[in-house]
């Protein structure tokens, strides 16, 4: 996986990520949009067969977009871990 910073200002971050698709992008967009410090969050896959997703985050006031994106990724990791644990419990019961 390669990540390229396309644009970065005090309240905006635009990155291109090689090797991921809609699944991870949707999760990050949802988590970011629920953050009260985020003004706008989204992603675009310019061409589904040949393009890497571009993730965009714009934050409010003095919040750094890198910080909210890293926080969103950590939240996604925690959700994934919780799901794994619950799935293992459910499988053991059957």
C-alpha atoms as a PDB file:
ATOM      1  CA  UNK A   1       0.000   0.000   0.000  1.00  0.00           C
ATOM      2  CA  UNK A   2       1.308   3.407  -0.953  1.00  0.00           C
ATOM      3  CA  UNK A   3      -0.045   6.751   0.211  1.00  0.00           C
ATOM      4  CA  UNK A   4       0.631  10.009  -1.564  1.00  0.00           C
ATOM      5  CA  UNK A   5      -0.238  13.398  -0.066  1.00  0.00           C
ATOM      6  CA  UNK A   6      -1.835  15.429  -2.858  1.00  0.00           C
ATOM      7  CA  UNK A   7      -2.706  18.533  -0.850  1.00  0.00           C
ATOM      8  CA  UNK A   8      -2.184  19.644   2.716  1.00  0.00           C
ATOM      9  CA  UNK A   9      -3.061  22.921   4.397  1.00  0.00           C
ATOM     10  CA  UNK A  10      -3.821  23.841   7.995  1.00  0.00           C
ATOM     11  CA  UNK A  11      -7.374  22.498   7.678  1.00  0.00           C
ATOM     12  CA  UNK A  12      -7.375  20.322   4.528  1.00  0.00           C
ATOM     13  CA  UNK A  13      -5.817  17.010   3.614  1.00  0.00           C
ATOM     14  CA  UNK A  14      -6.155  15.175   0.318  1.00  0.00           C
ATOM     15  CA  UNK A  15      -4.409  11.841  -0.096  1.00  0.00           C
ATOM     16  CA  UNK A  16      -4.291   9.126  -2.726  1.00  0.00           C
ATOM     17  CA  UNK A  17      -4.159   5.554  -1.456  1.00  0.00           C
ATOM     18  CA  UNK A  18      -3.034   2.650  -3.586  1.00  0.00           C
ATOM     19  CA  UNK A  19      -4.562  -0.755  -2.983  1.00  0.00           C
ATOM     20  CA  UNK A  20      -7.811  -0.028  -1.138  1.00  0.00           C
ATOM     21  CA  UNK A  21     -11.395   0.177  -2.317  1.00  0.00           C
ATOM     22  CA  UNK A  22     -14.825   1.374  -1.326  1.00  0.00           C
ATOM     23  CA  UNK A  23     -15.013  -0.710   1.852  1.00  0.00           C
ATOM     24  CA  UNK A  24     -12.298   1.060   3.808  1.00  0.00           C
ATOM     25  CA  UNK A  25     -13.110   4.431   2.264  1.00  0.00           C
ATOM     26  CA  UNK A  26     -16.776   4.148   3.287  1.00  0.00           C
ATOM     27  CA  UNK A  27     -15.852   3.291   6.863  1.00  0.00           C
ATOM     28  CA  UNK A  28     -13.417   6.207   7.116  1.00  0.00           C
ATOM     29  CA  UNK A  29     -15.916   8.616   5.562  1.00  0.00           C
ATOM     30  CA  UNK A  30     -18.601   7.576   8.047  1.00  0.00           C
ATOM     31  CA  UNK A  31     -16.312   7.881  11.071  1.00  0.00           C
ATOM     32  CA  UNK A  32     -14.918  11.220   9.900  1.00  0.00           C
ATOM     33  CA  UNK A  33     -18.358  12.658   9.199  1.00  0.00           C
ATOM     34  CA  UNK A  34     -19.393  11.852  12.788  1.00  0.00           C
ATOM     35  CA  UNK A  35     -16.445  13.833  14.193  1.00  0.00           C
ATOM     36  CA  UNK A  36     -17.571  17.276  15.374  1.00  0.00           C
ATOM     37  CA  UNK A  37     -14.217  18.766  14.318  1.00  0.00           C
ATOM     38  CA  UNK A  38     -14.671  17.719  10.693  1.00  0.00           C
ATOM     39  CA  UNK A  39     -16.329  20.129   8.290  1.00  0.00           C
ATOM     40  CA  UNK A  40     -16.243  17.825   5.262  1.00  0.00           C
ATOM     41  CA  UNK A  41     -15.039  14.285   4.586  1.00  0.00           C
ATOM     42  CA  UNK A  42     -15.318  12.171   1.497  1.00  0.00           C
ATOM     43  CA  UNK A  43     -13.555  10.121  -1.110  1.00  0.00           C
ATOM     44  CA  UNK A  44     -13.556   9.611  -4.831  1.00  0.00           C
ATOM     45  CA  UNK A  45     -12.457   6.785  -7.062  1.00  0.00           C
ATOM     46  CA  UNK A  46     -12.086   8.552 -10.418  1.00  0.00           C
ATOM     47  CA  UNK A  47     -12.180   5.328 -12.432  1.00  0.00           C
ATOM     48  CA  UNK A  48     -13.108   2.026 -10.753  1.00  0.00           C
ATOM     49  CA  UNK A  49     -10.816  -0.090 -12.935  1.00  0.00           C
ATOM     50  CA  UNK A  50      -7.689   2.033 -12.969  1.00  0.00           C
ATOM     51  CA  UNK A  51      -7.700   4.609 -10.188  1.00  0.00           C
ATOM     52  CA  UNK A  52      -6.704   4.722  -6.566  1.00  0.00           C
ATOM     53  CA  UNK A  53      -9.104   6.295  -4.077  1.00  0.00           C
ATOM     54  CA  UNK A  54      -8.598   9.925  -3.151  1.00  0.00           C
ATOM     55  CA  UNK A  55      -9.609  10.728   0.432  1.00  0.00           C
ATOM     56  CA  UNK A  56     -10.390  14.337   1.377  1.00  0.00           C
ATOM     57  CA  UNK A  57     -10.782  15.821   4.859  1.00  0.00           C
ATOM     58  CA  UNK A  58     -11.522  19.446   5.785  1.00  0.00           C
ATOM     59  CA  UNK A  59     -11.549  20.341   9.461  1.00  0.00           C
ATOM     60  CA  UNK A  60     -13.024  23.170  11.515  1.00  0.00           C
ATOM     61  CA  UNK A  61     -11.051  25.859  13.299  1.00  0.00           C
ATOM     62  CA  UNK A  62      -7.601  24.795  14.493  1.00  0.00           C
ATOM     63  CA  UNK A  63      -8.089  21.033  14.243  1.00  0.00           C
ATOM     64  CA  UNK A  64      -5.419  19.363  12.133  1.00  0.00           C
ATOM     65  CA  UNK A  65      -6.757  17.057   9.414  1.00  0.00           C
ATOM     66  CA  UNK A  66      -3.928  14.566   9.935  1.00  0.00           C
ATOM     67  CA  UNK A  67      -5.002  14.134  13.553  1.00  0.00           C
ATOM     68  CA  UNK A  68      -8.656  13.459  12.755  1.00  0.00           C
ATOM     69  CA  UNK A  69      -7.739  11.017   9.981  1.00  0.00           C
ATOM     70  CA  UNK A  70      -5.389   9.090  12.281  1.00  0.00           C
ATOM     71  CA  UNK A  71      -8.097   9.083  14.976  1.00  0.00           C
ATOM     72  CA  UNK A  72     -10.636   7.755  12.440  1.00  0.00           C
ATOM     73  CA  UNK A  73      -8.266   4.977  11.423  1.00  0.00           C
ATOM     74  CA  UNK A  74      -7.792   4.007  15.073  1.00  0.00           C
ATOM     75  CA  UNK A  75     -11.580   3.954  15.546  1.00  0.00           C
ATOM     76  CA  UNK A  76     -11.941   1.707  12.481  1.00  0.00           C
ATOM     77  CA  UNK A  77      -9.302  -0.640  13.913  1.00  0.00           C
ATOM     78  CA  UNK A  78     -11.201  -0.821  17.220  1.00  0.00           C
ATOM     79  CA  UNK A  79     -14.480  -1.574  15.443  1.00  0.00           C
ATOM     80  CA  UNK A  80     -12.774  -4.309  13.431  1.00  0.00           C
ATOM     81  CA  UNK A  81     -11.266  -5.857  16.568  1.00  0.00           C
ATOM     82  CA  UNK A  82     -14.613  -5.785  18.380  1.00  0.00           C
ATOM     83  CA  UNK A  83     -16.289  -7.450  15.400  1.00  0.00           C
ATOM     84  CA  UNK A  84     -13.599 -10.151  15.280  1.00  0.00           C
ATOM     85  CA  UNK A  85     -14.029 -10.912  18.986  1.00  0.00           C
ATOM     86  CA  UNK A  86     -17.818 -11.117  18.742  1.00  0.00           C
ATOM     87  CA  UNK A  87     -17.613 -13.293  15.640  1.00  0.00           C
ATOM     88  CA  UNK A  88     -15.251 -15.711  17.391  1.00  0.00           C
ATOM     89  CA  UNK A  89     -17.693 -15.958  20.331  1.00  0.00           C
ATOM     90  CA  UNK A  90     -20.616 -16.609  18.005  1.00  0.00           C
ATOM     91  CA  UNK A  91     -18.729 -19.275  16.066  1.00  0.00           C
ATOM     92  CA  UNK A  92     -17.751 -21.092  19.277  1.00  0.00           C
ATOM     93  CA  UNK A  93     -21.411 -21.288  20.322  1.00  0.00           C
ATOM     94  CA  UNK A  94     -22.408 -23.201  17.186  1.00  0.00           C
END
